[in-house]
Protein backbone atom coordinates (compact mmCIF):
# COMPACT_ATOMS: atom_id res chain seq x y z
CA UNK A 1 0.00 0.00 0.00
CA UNK A 2 1.29 3.47 -0.82
CA UNK A 3 0.23 7.07 -0.58
CA UNK A 4 0.67 10.01 -2.96
CA UNK A 5 1.50 13.47 -1.66
CA UNK A 6 2.56 16.70 -3.34
CA UNK A 7 6.17 17.83 -3.27
CA UNK A 8 5.21 20.96 -1.33
CA UNK A 9 3.38 18.86 1.29
CA UNK A 10 6.45 16.62 1.59
CA UNK A 11 8.66 19.68 2.09
CA UNK A 12 6.36 21.43 4.54
CA UNK A 13 5.56 18.33 6.58
CA UNK A 14 8.70 16.22 6.43
CA UNK A 15 8.02 14.64 9.83
CA UNK A 16 4.59 13.55 8.63
CA UNK A 17 6.16 12.13 5.48
CA UNK A 18 8.51 10.02 7.58
CA UNK A 19 5.60 8.82 9.73
CA UNK A 20 3.66 7.81 6.61
CA UNK A 21 6.67 5.97 5.18
CA UNK A 22 7.16 4.12 8.45
CA UNK A 23 3.49 3.15 8.58
CA UNK A 24 2.87 2.40 4.90
CA UNK A 25 6.28 1.42 3.57
CA UNK A 26 6.07 3.67 0.50
CA UNK A 27 5.08 7.24 -0.30
CA UNK A 28 5.00 8.62 -3.86
CA UNK A 29 5.79 12.33 -4.22
CA UNK A 30 4.20 14.14 -7.16
CA UNK A 31 4.90 17.57 -8.58
CA UNK A 32 2.57 19.11 -11.16
CA UNK A 33 0.86 15.73 -11.53
CA UNK A 34 4.11 13.89 -12.32
CA UNK A 35 5.79 11.33 -10.08
CA UNK A 36 9.14 12.83 -9.04
CA UNK A 37 10.22 10.67 -6.10
CA UNK A 38 9.43 7.51 -4.19
CA UNK A 39 10.32 7.24 -0.50
CA UNK A 40 10.66 3.70 0.82
CA UNK A 41 11.05 2.38 4.33
CA UNK A 42 14.14 0.21 4.86
CA UNK A 43 11.88 -2.84 5.09
CA UNK A 44 10.15 -2.05 1.78
CA UNK A 45 13.50 -1.36 0.12
CA UNK A 46 14.99 -4.64 1.31
CA UNK A 47 11.82 -6.45 0.24
CA UNK A 48 12.05 -4.99 -3.27
CA UNK A 49 15.67 -6.13 -3.49
CA UNK A 50 14.74 -9.61 -2.31
CA UNK A 51 11.94 -9.82 -4.90
CA UNK A 52 14.39 -9.02 -7.66
CA UNK A 53 12.85 -5.65 -8.51
CA UNK A 54 16.31 -4.14 -8.34
CA UNK A 55 19.66 -5.73 -7.72
CA UNK A 56 21.92 -3.83 -5.34
CA UNK A 57 24.69 -3.63 -7.96
CA UNK A 58 22.29 -2.45 -10.69
CA UNK A 59 20.89 0.57 -8.86
CA UNK A 60 22.05 3.67 -10.68
CA UNK A 61 20.95 6.54 -8.48
CA UNK A 62 20.61 9.78 -10.38
CA UNK A 63 21.25 8.25 -13.81
CA UNK A 64 17.74 8.68 -15.25
CA UNK A 65 16.87 12.33 -14.79
CA UNK A 66 14.65 14.01 -17.36
CA UNK A 67 17.03 16.98 -17.39
CA UNK A 68 20.80 16.43 -17.73
CA UNK A 69 22.41 16.92 -14.33
CA UNK A 70 24.66 19.70 -15.60
CA UNK A 71 21.57 21.68 -16.68
CA UNK A 72 19.32 20.88 -13.72
CA UNK A 73 20.35 23.89 -11.63
CA UNK A 74 19.98 26.29 -14.56
CA UNK A 75 16.56 24.80 -15.34
CA UNK A 76 15.35 25.80 -11.86
CA UNK A 77 16.53 29.40 -12.22
CA UNK A 78 14.16 32.14 -13.27
CA UNK A 79 16.96 34.11 -14.92
CA UNK A 80 19.29 31.74 -16.71
CA UNK A 81 22.98 32.57 -16.78
CA UNK A 82 24.38 33.74 -20.11
CA UNK A 83 26.51 30.58 -20.26
CA UNK A 84 23.43 28.31 -20.39
CA UNK A 85 23.63 26.21 -23.54
CA UNK A 86 20.53 26.38 -25.75
CA UNK A 87 20.71 23.14 -27.76
PDB file of N, CA and C in Angstrom:
ATOM      1  N   UNK A   1       0.845  -1.176   0.000  1.00  0.00           N
ATOM      2  CA  UNK A   1       0.000   0.000   0.000  1.00  0.00           C
ATOM      3  C   UNK A   1       0.889   1.238   0.000  1.00  0.00           C
ATOM      4  N   UNK A   2       0.503   2.237  -0.777  1.00  0.00           N
ATOM      5  CA  UNK A   2       1.286   3.466  -0.816  1.00  0.00           C
ATOM      6  C   UNK A   2       0.357   4.671  -0.778  1.00  0.00           C
ATOM      7  N   UNK A   3       0.969   5.819  -0.660  1.00  0.00           N
ATOM      8  CA  UNK A   3       0.227   7.070  -0.576  1.00  0.00           C
ATOM      9  C   UNK A   3       0.902   8.063  -1.504  1.00  0.00           C
ATOM     10  N   UNK A   4       0.120   8.949  -2.122  1.00  0.00           N
ATOM     11  CA  UNK A   4       0.665  10.014  -2.957  1.00  0.00           C
ATOM     12  C   UNK A   4       0.505  11.343  -2.229  1.00  0.00           C
ATOM     13  N   UNK A   5       1.579  12.131  -2.217  1.00  0.00           N
ATOM     14  CA  UNK A   5       1.504  13.474  -1.659  1.00  0.00           C
ATOM     15  C   UNK A   5       2.227  14.434  -2.604  1.00  0.00           C
ATOM     16  N   UNK A   6       1.902  15.701  -2.494  1.00  0.00           N
ATOM     17  CA  UNK A   6       2.555  16.699  -3.337  1.00  0.00           C
ATOM     18  C   UNK A   6       3.948  16.987  -2.791  1.00  0.00           C
ATOM     19  N   UNK A   7       4.807  17.489  -3.676  1.00  0.00           N
ATOM     20  CA  UNK A   7       6.169  17.829  -3.266  1.00  0.00           C
ATOM     21  C   UNK A   7       6.161  18.918  -2.203  1.00  0.00           C
ATOM     22  N   UNK A   8       5.255  19.884  -2.331  1.00  0.00           N
ATOM     23  CA  UNK A   8       5.215  20.955  -1.330  1.00  0.00           C
ATOM     24  C   UNK A   8       4.744  20.423   0.016  1.00  0.00           C
ATOM     25  N   UNK A   9       3.792  19.476   0.022  1.00  0.00           N
ATOM     26  CA  UNK A   9       3.377  18.862   1.288  1.00  0.00           C
ATOM     27  C   UNK A   9       4.525  18.080   1.912  1.00  0.00           C
ATOM     28  N   UNK A  10       5.301  17.387   1.085  1.00  0.00           N
ATOM     29  CA  UNK A  10       6.446  16.623   1.595  1.00  0.00           C
ATOM     30  C   UNK A  10       7.466  17.557   2.225  1.00  0.00           C
ATOM     31  N   UNK A  11       7.699  18.704   1.575  1.00  0.00           N
ATOM     32  CA  UNK A  11       8.665  19.679   2.089  1.00  0.00           C
ATOM     33  C   UNK A  11       8.164  20.313   3.383  1.00  0.00           C
ATOM     34  N   UNK A  12       6.907  20.715   3.386  1.00  0.00           N
ATOM     35  CA  UNK A  12       6.360  21.432   4.537  1.00  0.00           C
ATOM     36  C   UNK A  12       6.064  20.541   5.730  1.00  0.00           C
ATOM     37  N   UNK A  13       5.892  19.249   5.499  1.00  0.00           N
ATOM     38  CA  UNK A  13       5.559  18.333   6.583  1.00  0.00           C
ATOM     39  C   UNK A  13       6.443  17.090   6.500  1.00  0.00           C
ATOM     40  N   UNK A  14       7.752  17.313   6.571  1.00  0.00           N
ATOM     41  CA  UNK A  14       8.701  16.217   6.431  1.00  0.00           C
ATOM     42  C   UNK A  14       8.527  15.160   7.523  1.00  0.00           C
ATOM     43  N   UNK A  15       8.255  15.598   8.737  1.00  0.00           N
ATOM     44  CA  UNK A  15       8.023  14.644   9.825  1.00  0.00           C
ATOM     45  C   UNK A  15       6.826  13.752   9.540  1.00  0.00           C
ATOM     46  N   UNK A  16       5.766  14.334   8.999  1.00  0.00           N
ATOM     47  CA  UNK A  16       4.590  13.546   8.626  1.00  0.00           C
ATOM     48  C   UNK A  16       4.894  12.580   7.500  1.00  0.00           C
ATOM     49  N   UNK A  17       5.732  13.011   6.562  1.00  0.00           N
ATOM     50  CA  UNK A  17       6.158  12.129   5.476  1.00  0.00           C
ATOM     51  C   UNK A  17       6.873  10.905   6.034  1.00  0.00           C
ATOM     52  N   UNK A  18       7.786  11.146   6.971  1.00  0.00           N
ATOM     53  CA  UNK A  18       8.510  10.018   7.579  1.00  0.00           C
ATOM     54  C   UNK A  18       7.576   9.090   8.340  1.00  0.00           C
ATOM     55  N   UNK A  19       6.592   9.650   9.030  1.00  0.00           N
ATOM     56  CA  UNK A  19       5.604   8.822   9.733  1.00  0.00           C
ATOM     57  C   UNK A  19       4.817   7.962   8.745  1.00  0.00           C
ATOM     58  N   UNK A  20       4.401   8.561   7.626  1.00  0.00           N
ATOM     59  CA  UNK A  20       3.656   7.812   6.608  1.00  0.00           C
ATOM     60  C   UNK A  20       4.501   6.704   6.003  1.00  0.00           C
ATOM     61  N   UNK A  21       5.772   6.992   5.743  1.00  0.00           N
ATOM     62  CA  UNK A  21       6.670   5.966   5.179  1.00  0.00           C
ATOM     63  C   UNK A  21       6.839   4.823   6.170  1.00  0.00           C
ATOM     64  N   UNK A  22       7.007   5.163   7.438  1.00  0.00           N
ATOM     65  CA  UNK A  22       7.156   4.119   8.455  1.00  0.00           C
ATOM     66  C   UNK A  22       5.904   3.259   8.567  1.00  0.00           C
ATOM     67  N   UNK A  23       4.745   3.884   8.434  1.00  0.00           N
ATOM     68  CA  UNK A  23       3.490   3.151   8.577  1.00  0.00           C
ATOM     69  C   UNK A  23       3.113   2.376   7.317  1.00  0.00           C
ATOM     70  N   UNK A  24       3.337   2.982   6.149  1.00  0.00           N
ATOM     71  CA  UNK A  24       2.867   2.396   4.896  1.00  0.00           C
ATOM     72  C   UNK A  24       3.945   1.673   4.101  1.00  0.00           C
ATOM     73  N   UNK A  25       5.194   2.043   4.304  1.00  0.00           N
ATOM     74  CA  UNK A  25       6.276   1.416   3.566  1.00  0.00           C
ATOM     75  C   UNK A  25       6.686   2.182   2.321  1.00  0.00           C
ATOM     76  N   UNK A  26       5.756   2.943   1.736  1.00  0.00           N
ATOM     77  CA  UNK A  26       6.071   3.672   0.500  1.00  0.00           C
ATOM     78  C   UNK A  26       5.196   4.917   0.396  1.00  0.00           C
ATOM     79  N   UNK A  27       5.812   6.015  -0.008  1.00  0.00           N
ATOM     80  CA  UNK A  27       5.076   7.245  -0.296  1.00  0.00           C
ATOM     81  C   UNK A  27       5.586   7.774  -1.631  1.00  0.00           C
ATOM     82  N   UNK A  28       4.667   8.040  -2.562  1.00  0.00           N
ATOM     83  CA  UNK A  28       4.997   8.625  -3.857  1.00  0.00           C
ATOM     84  C   UNK A  28       4.847  10.134  -3.752  1.00  0.00           C
ATOM     85  N   UNK A  29       5.833  10.867  -4.246  1.00  0.00           N
ATOM     86  CA  UNK A  29       5.791  12.327  -4.224  1.00  0.00           C
ATOM     87  C   UNK A  29       5.583  12.823  -5.651  1.00  0.00           C
ATOM     88  N   UNK A  30       4.544  13.630  -5.833  1.00  0.00           N
ATOM     89  CA  UNK A  30       4.205  14.138  -7.160  1.00  0.00           C
ATOM     90  C   UNK A  30       4.354  15.651  -7.199  1.00  0.00           C
ATOM     91  N   UNK A  31       4.759  16.138  -8.361  1.00  0.00           N
ATOM     92  CA  UNK A  31       4.904  17.574  -8.578  1.00  0.00           C
ATOM     93  C   UNK A  31       4.290  17.880  -9.932  1.00  0.00           C
ATOM     94  N   UNK A  32       3.304  18.761  -9.936  1.00  0.00           N
ATOM     95  CA  UNK A  32       2.575  19.110 -11.157  1.00  0.00           C
ATOM     96  C   UNK A  32       1.992  17.865 -11.830  1.00  0.00           C
ATOM     97  N   UNK A  33       1.497  16.933 -11.008  1.00  0.00           N
ATOM     98  CA  UNK A  33       0.861  15.730 -11.528  1.00  0.00           C
ATOM     99  C   UNK A  33       1.806  14.651 -12.016  1.00  0.00           C
ATOM    100  N   UNK A  34       3.116  14.837 -11.844  1.00  0.00           N
ATOM    101  CA  UNK A  34       4.111  13.887 -12.324  1.00  0.00           C
ATOM    102  C   UNK A  34       4.872  13.300 -11.141  1.00  0.00           C
ATOM    103  N   UNK A  35       5.039  11.992 -11.135  1.00  0.00           N
ATOM    104  CA  UNK A  35       5.793  11.332 -10.078  1.00  0.00           C
ATOM    105  C   UNK A  35       7.249  11.777 -10.154  1.00  0.00           C
ATOM    106  N   UNK A  36       7.760  12.352  -9.052  1.00  0.00           N
ATOM    107  CA  UNK A  36       9.140  12.833  -9.039  1.00  0.00           C
ATOM    108  C   UNK A  36      10.025  12.084  -8.048  1.00  0.00           C
ATOM    109  N   UNK A  37       9.415  11.402  -7.078  1.00  0.00           N
ATOM    110  CA  UNK A  37      10.218  10.673  -6.098  1.00  0.00           C
ATOM    111  C   UNK A  37       9.375   9.593  -5.436  1.00  0.00           C
ATOM    112  N   UNK A  38      10.062   8.571  -4.968  1.00  0.00           N
ATOM    113  CA  UNK A  38       9.433   7.507  -4.188  1.00  0.00           C
ATOM    114  C   UNK A  38      10.275   7.343  -2.931  1.00  0.00           C
ATOM    115  N   UNK A  39       9.631   7.421  -1.780  1.00  0.00           N
ATOM    116  CA  UNK A  39      10.325   7.241  -0.502  1.00  0.00           C
ATOM    117  C   UNK A  39       9.905   5.885   0.049  1.00  0.00           C
ATOM    118  N   UNK A  40      10.906   5.046   0.310  1.00  0.00           N
ATOM    119  CA  UNK A  40      10.659   3.700   0.820  1.00  0.00           C
ATOM    120  C   UNK A  40      11.206   3.544   2.224  1.00  0.00           C
ATOM    121  N   UNK A  41      10.509   2.757   3.030  1.00  0.00           N
ATOM    122  CA  UNK A  41      11.055   2.385   4.329  1.00  0.00           C
ATOM    123  C   UNK A  41      12.177   1.376   4.090  1.00  0.00           C
ATOM    124  N   UNK A  42      13.081   1.215   5.042  1.00  0.00           N
ATOM    125  CA  UNK A  42      14.141   0.212   4.864  1.00  0.00           C
ATOM    126  C   UNK A  42      13.573  -1.188   4.603  1.00  0.00           C
ATOM    127  N   UNK A  43      12.488  -1.529   5.288  1.00  0.00           N
ATOM    128  CA  UNK A  43      11.882  -2.844   5.093  1.00  0.00           C
ATOM    129  C   UNK A  43      11.356  -3.003   3.673  1.00  0.00           C
ATOM    130  N   UNK A  44      10.674  -1.979   3.146  1.00  0.00           N
ATOM    131  CA  UNK A  44      10.147  -2.050   1.782  1.00  0.00           C
ATOM    132  C   UNK A  44      11.281  -2.095   0.762  1.00  0.00           C
ATOM    133  N   UNK A  45      12.351  -1.352   1.021  1.00  0.00           N
ATOM    134  CA  UNK A  45      13.499  -1.360   0.121  1.00  0.00           C
ATOM    135  C   UNK A  45      14.144  -2.736   0.086  1.00  0.00           C
ATOM    136  N   UNK A  46      14.397  -3.312   1.244  1.00  0.00           N
ATOM    137  CA  UNK A  46      14.991  -4.642   1.307  1.00  0.00           C
ATOM    138  C   UNK A  46      14.085  -5.682   0.648  1.00  0.00           C
ATOM    139  N   UNK A  47      12.780  -5.533   0.850  1.00  0.00           N
ATOM    140  CA  UNK A  47      11.819  -6.446   0.239  1.00  0.00           C
ATOM    141  C   UNK A  47      11.874  -6.367  -1.281  1.00  0.00           C
ATOM    142  N   UNK A  48      11.980  -5.148  -1.815  1.00  0.00           N
ATOM    143  CA  UNK A  48      12.051  -4.994  -3.267  1.00  0.00           C
ATOM    144  C   UNK A  48      13.334  -5.600  -3.816  1.00  0.00           C
ATOM    145  N   UNK A  49      14.425  -5.494  -3.069  1.00  0.00           N
ATOM    146  CA  UNK A  49      15.666  -6.128  -3.493  1.00  0.00           C
ATOM    147  C   UNK A  49      15.530  -7.641  -3.476  1.00  0.00           C
ATOM    148  N   UNK A  50      14.905  -8.169  -2.432  1.00  0.00           N
ATOM    149  CA  UNK A  50      14.736  -9.614  -2.312  1.00  0.00           C
ATOM    150  C   UNK A  50      13.835 -10.171  -3.409  1.00  0.00           C
ATOM    151  N   UNK A  51      12.857  -9.377  -3.847  1.00  0.00           N
ATOM    152  CA  UNK A  51      11.943  -9.821  -4.897  1.00  0.00           C
ATOM    153  C   UNK A  51      12.549  -9.697  -6.288  1.00  0.00           C
ATOM    154  N   UNK A  52      13.741  -9.147  -6.374  1.00  0.00           N
ATOM    155  CA  UNK A  52      14.393  -9.019  -7.665  1.00  0.00           C
ATOM    156  C   UNK A  52      13.969  -7.796  -8.449  1.00  0.00           C
ATOM    157  N   UNK A  53      13.248  -6.868  -7.813  1.00  0.00           N
ATOM    158  CA  UNK A  53      12.847  -5.648  -8.507  1.00  0.00           C
ATOM    159  C   UNK A  53      14.087  -4.860  -8.901  1.00  0.00           C
ATOM    160  N   UNK A  54      15.052  -4.829  -8.037  1.00  0.00           N
ATOM    161  CA  UNK A  54      16.309  -4.143  -8.343  1.00  0.00           C
ATOM    162  C   UNK A  54      17.434  -4.876  -7.630  1.00  0.00           C
ATOM    163  N   UNK A  55      18.492  -5.120  -8.332  1.00  0.00           N
ATOM    164  CA  UNK A  55      19.662  -5.728  -7.723  1.00  0.00           C
ATOM    165  C   UNK A  55      20.527  -4.614  -7.139  1.00  0.00           C
ATOM    166  N   UNK A  56      21.127  -4.866  -6.014  1.00  0.00           N
ATOM    167  CA  UNK A  56      21.920  -3.834  -5.345  1.00  0.00           C
ATOM    168  C   UNK A  56      23.009  -3.268  -6.255  1.00  0.00           C
ATOM    169  N   UNK A  57      23.637  -4.105  -7.071  1.00  0.00           N
ATOM    170  CA  UNK A  57      24.694  -3.626  -7.960  1.00  0.00           C
ATOM    171  C   UNK A  57      24.160  -2.900  -9.186  1.00  0.00           C
ATOM    172  N   UNK A  58      22.870  -3.054  -9.498  1.00  0.00           N
ATOM    173  CA  UNK A  58      22.293  -2.450 -10.694  1.00  0.00           C
ATOM    174  C   UNK A  58      21.643  -1.103 -10.430  1.00  0.00           C
ATOM    175  N   UNK A  59      21.536  -0.700  -9.165  1.00  0.00           N
ATOM    176  CA  UNK A  59      20.891   0.573  -8.857  1.00  0.00           C
ATOM    177  C   UNK A  59      21.807   1.695  -9.318  1.00  0.00           C
ATOM    178  N   UNK A  60      21.274   2.566 -10.155  1.00  0.00           N
ATOM    179  CA  UNK A  60      22.051   3.673 -10.678  1.00  0.00           C
ATOM    180  C   UNK A  60      21.372   4.967 -10.251  1.00  0.00           C
ATOM    181  N   UNK A  61      21.596   5.346  -9.013  1.00  0.00           N
ATOM    182  CA  UNK A  61      20.951   6.542  -8.478  1.00  0.00           C
ATOM    183  C   UNK A  61      21.344   7.756  -9.298  1.00  0.00           C
ATOM    184  N   UNK A  62      20.365   8.541  -9.663  1.00  0.00           N
ATOM    185  CA  UNK A  62      20.614   9.782 -10.376  1.00  0.00           C
ATOM    186  C   UNK A  62      20.970   9.635 -11.835  1.00  0.00           C
ATOM    187  N   UNK A  63      20.848   8.455 -12.420  1.00  0.00           N
ATOM    188  CA  UNK A  63      21.248   8.247 -13.810  1.00  0.00           C
ATOM    189  C   UNK A  63      20.112   8.466 -14.801  1.00  0.00           C
ATOM    190  N   UNK A  64      18.870   8.619 -14.333  1.00  0.00           N
ATOM    191  CA  UNK A  64      17.742   8.682 -15.252  1.00  0.00           C
ATOM    192  C   UNK A  64      16.924   9.945 -15.069  1.00  0.00           C
ATOM    193  N   UNK A  65      17.576  11.069 -14.918  1.00  0.00           N
ATOM    194  CA  UNK A  65      16.872  12.335 -14.791  1.00  0.00           C
ATOM    195  C   UNK A  65      16.314  12.759 -16.137  1.00  0.00           C
ATOM    196  N   UNK A  66      15.216  13.492 -16.124  1.00  0.00           N
ATOM    197  CA  UNK A  66      14.652  14.014 -17.356  1.00  0.00           C
ATOM    198  C   UNK A  66      15.498  15.159 -17.898  1.00  0.00           C
ATOM    199  N   UNK A  67      16.177  15.862 -17.020  1.00  0.00           N
ATOM    200  CA  UNK A  67      17.034  16.981 -17.393  1.00  0.00           C
ATOM    201  C   UNK A  67      18.471  16.562 -17.098  1.00  0.00           C
ATOM    202  N   UNK A  68      19.399  16.771 -18.027  1.00  0.00           N
ATOM    203  CA  UNK A  68      20.799  16.429 -17.731  1.00  0.00           C
ATOM    204  C   UNK A  68      21.250  17.116 -16.443  1.00  0.00           C
ATOM    205  N   UNK A  69      21.999  16.398 -15.637  1.00  0.00           N
ATOM    206  CA  UNK A  69      22.409  16.921 -14.335  1.00  0.00           C
ATOM    207  C   UNK A  69      23.116  18.258 -14.441  1.00  0.00           C
ATOM    208  N   UNK A  70      23.928  18.436 -15.481  1.00  0.00           N
ATOM    209  CA  UNK A  70      24.658  19.697 -15.601  1.00  0.00           C
ATOM    210  C   UNK A  70      23.744  20.882 -15.916  1.00  0.00           C
ATOM    211  N   UNK A  71      22.515  20.613 -16.385  1.00  0.00           N
ATOM    212  CA  UNK A  71      21.566  21.682 -16.681  1.00  0.00           C
ATOM    213  C   UNK A  71      20.452  21.803 -15.639  1.00  0.00           C
ATOM    214  N   UNK A  72      20.421  20.900 -14.673  1.00  0.00           N
ATOM    215  CA  UNK A  72      19.317  20.879 -13.716  1.00  0.00           C
ATOM    216  C   UNK A  72      19.240  22.172 -12.901  1.00  0.00           C
ATOM    217  N   UNK A  73      20.374  22.661 -12.437  1.00  0.00           N
ATOM    218  CA  UNK A  73      20.348  23.893 -11.634  1.00  0.00           C
ATOM    219  C   UNK A  73      19.876  25.066 -12.478  1.00  0.00           C
ATOM    220  N   UNK A  74      20.380  25.186 -13.685  1.00  0.00           N
ATOM    221  CA  UNK A  74      19.976  26.289 -14.562  1.00  0.00           C
ATOM    222  C   UNK A  74      18.496  26.187 -14.912  1.00  0.00           C
ATOM    223  N   UNK A  75      17.967  24.977 -15.007  1.00  0.00           N
ATOM    224  CA  UNK A  75      16.557  24.796 -15.344  1.00  0.00           C
ATOM    225  C   UNK A  75      15.648  25.303 -14.232  1.00  0.00           C
ATOM    226  N   UNK A  76      16.142  25.323 -12.993  1.00  0.00           N
ATOM    227  CA  UNK A  76      15.347  25.802 -11.863  1.00  0.00           C
ATOM    228  C   UNK A  76      15.406  27.308 -11.711  1.00  0.00           C
ATOM    229  N   UNK A  77      16.337  27.963 -12.378  1.00  0.00           N
ATOM    230  CA  UNK A  77      16.528  29.400 -12.215  1.00  0.00           C
ATOM    231  C   UNK A  77      15.532  30.181 -13.063  1.00  0.00           C
ATOM    232  N   UNK A  78      15.036  31.276 -12.502  1.00  0.00           N
ATOM    233  CA  UNK A  78      14.155  32.141 -13.267  1.00  0.00           C
ATOM    234  C   UNK A  78      14.934  32.908 -14.328  1.00  0.00           C
ATOM    235  N   UNK A  79      16.097  33.390 -13.980  1.00  0.00           N
ATOM    236  CA  UNK A  79      16.961  34.113 -14.922  1.00  0.00           C
ATOM    237  C   UNK A  79      18.171  33.238 -15.197  1.00  0.00           C
ATOM    238  N   UNK A  80      18.190  32.638 -16.374  1.00  0.00           N
ATOM    239  CA  UNK A  80      19.288  31.736 -16.713  1.00  0.00           C
ATOM    240  C   UNK A  80      20.576  32.516 -16.918  1.00  0.00           C
ATOM    241  N   UNK A  81      21.702  31.915 -16.541  1.00  0.00           N
ATOM    242  CA  UNK A  81      22.981  32.573 -16.781  1.00  0.00           C
ATOM    243  C   UNK A  81      23.260  32.633 -18.287  1.00  0.00           C
ATOM    244  N   UNK A  82      24.087  33.582 -18.685  1.00  0.00           N
ATOM    245  CA  UNK A  82      24.377  33.735 -20.106  1.00  0.00           C
ATOM    246  C   UNK A  82      25.147  32.552 -20.668  1.00  0.00           C
ATOM    247  N   UNK A  83      25.746  31.737 -19.801  1.00  0.00           N
ATOM    248  CA  UNK A  83      26.509  30.581 -20.263  1.00  0.00           C
ATOM    249  C   UNK A  83      25.635  29.352 -20.473  1.00  0.00           C
ATOM    250  N   UNK A  84      24.327  29.458 -20.238  1.00  0.00           N
ATOM    251  CA  UNK A  84      23.430  28.309 -20.395  1.00  0.00           C
ATOM    252  C   UNK A  84      23.357  27.937 -21.870  1.00  0.00           C
ATOM    253  N   UNK A  85      23.587  26.694 -22.164  1.00  0.00           N
ATOM    254  CA  UNK A  85      23.634  26.207 -23.540  1.00  0.00           C
ATOM    255  C   UNK A  85      22.231  25.924 -24.067  1.00  0.00           C
ATOM    256  N   UNK A  86      21.835  26.577 -25.126  1.00  0.00           N
ATOM    257  CA  UNK A  86      20.529  26.377 -25.753  1.00  0.00           C
ATOM    258  C   UNK A  86      20.670  25.426 -26.919  1.00  0.00           C
ATOM    259  N   UNK A  87      20.568  24.124 -26.674  1.00  0.00           N
ATOM    260  CA  UNK A  87      20.714  23.143 -27.758  1.00  0.00           C
ATOM    261  C   UNK A  87      19.496  23.051 -28.588  1.00  0.00           C
TER     262      UNK A  87
END
